[in-house]
Amino acid sequence: MYYQVVYRTWKERGKMRFHIESAYPLEGKLGKVKKVNFWVICYNLLKGKNLPKPAR
């Protein structure tokens, strides 16, 4: 089953934080979905780069 996940990421006191706000199961056809690797989010946060935009 596929889910749409809403999350927040930030750095605090030298640690990376990843907080899942909510997750909704998706029903039916997904169409084109932008996938983002979890480690890409971590790497960008660590290096101070922009985080990937959520899929629309």
Protein backbone atom coordinates (compact mmCIF):
# COMPACT_ATOMS: atom_id res chain seq x y z
CA MET A 1 0.00 0.00 0.00
CA TYR A 2 1.22 3.50 -0.80
CA TYR A 3 1.01 6.40 1.63
CA GLN A 4 1.33 10.15 1.37
CA VAL A 5 3.56 11.21 4.23
CA VAL A 6 3.76 14.73 5.65
CA TYR A 7 7.00 15.35 7.56
CA ARG A 8 9.29 18.02 9.03
CA THR A 9 13.08 17.93 9.11
CA TRP A 10 15.53 20.18 10.90
CA LYS A 11 18.92 20.29 12.60
CA GLU A 12 19.05 20.89 16.34
CA ARG A 13 22.12 20.90 18.59
CA GLY A 14 24.17 19.08 15.96
CA LYS A 15 21.57 16.35 15.40
CA MET A 16 19.23 15.78 12.50
CA ARG A 17 15.55 15.52 13.37
CA PHE A 18 12.89 13.88 11.20
CA HIS A 19 9.30 14.09 12.44
CA ILE A 20 6.39 12.47 10.61
CA GLU A 21 3.34 14.71 11.00
CA SER A 22 0.84 12.37 9.37
CA ALA A 23 0.48 9.58 6.81
CA TYR A 24 -2.53 8.93 4.59
CA PRO A 25 -3.15 5.73 2.64
CA LEU A 26 -3.62 6.41 -1.07
CA GLU A 27 -6.35 4.55 -2.89
CA GLY A 28 -6.74 3.93 -6.59
CA LYS A 29 -4.21 4.81 -9.28
CA LEU A 30 -1.29 6.94 -8.24
CA GLY A 31 -0.36 8.38 -11.58
CA LYS A 32 3.10 9.91 -11.72
CA VAL A 33 4.63 10.10 -8.24
CA LYS A 34 7.89 11.79 -7.33
CA LYS A 35 9.89 9.47 -5.07
CA VAL A 36 12.55 10.86 -2.76
CA ASN A 37 15.16 8.70 -1.08
CA PHE A 38 15.30 9.12 2.71
CA TRP A 39 19.09 9.44 2.58
CA VAL A 40 18.80 12.31 0.07
CA ILE A 41 16.73 14.19 2.65
CA CYS A 42 19.33 13.49 5.36
CA TYR A 43 22.26 14.47 3.13
CA ASN A 44 20.64 17.74 2.04
CA LEU A 45 19.76 18.63 5.62
CA LEU A 46 23.29 17.89 6.80
CA LYS A 47 24.88 19.98 4.02
CA GLY A 48 22.40 22.88 4.37
CA LYS A 49 20.94 22.37 0.89
CA ASN A 50 17.28 22.78 -0.06
CA LEU A 51 15.10 19.80 0.77
CA PRO A 52 13.13 18.01 -1.96
CA LYS A 53 9.68 19.45 -2.63
CA PRO A 54 6.68 17.28 -1.74
CA ALA A 55 4.96 15.47 -4.61
CA ARG A 56 1.81 17.10 -5.94
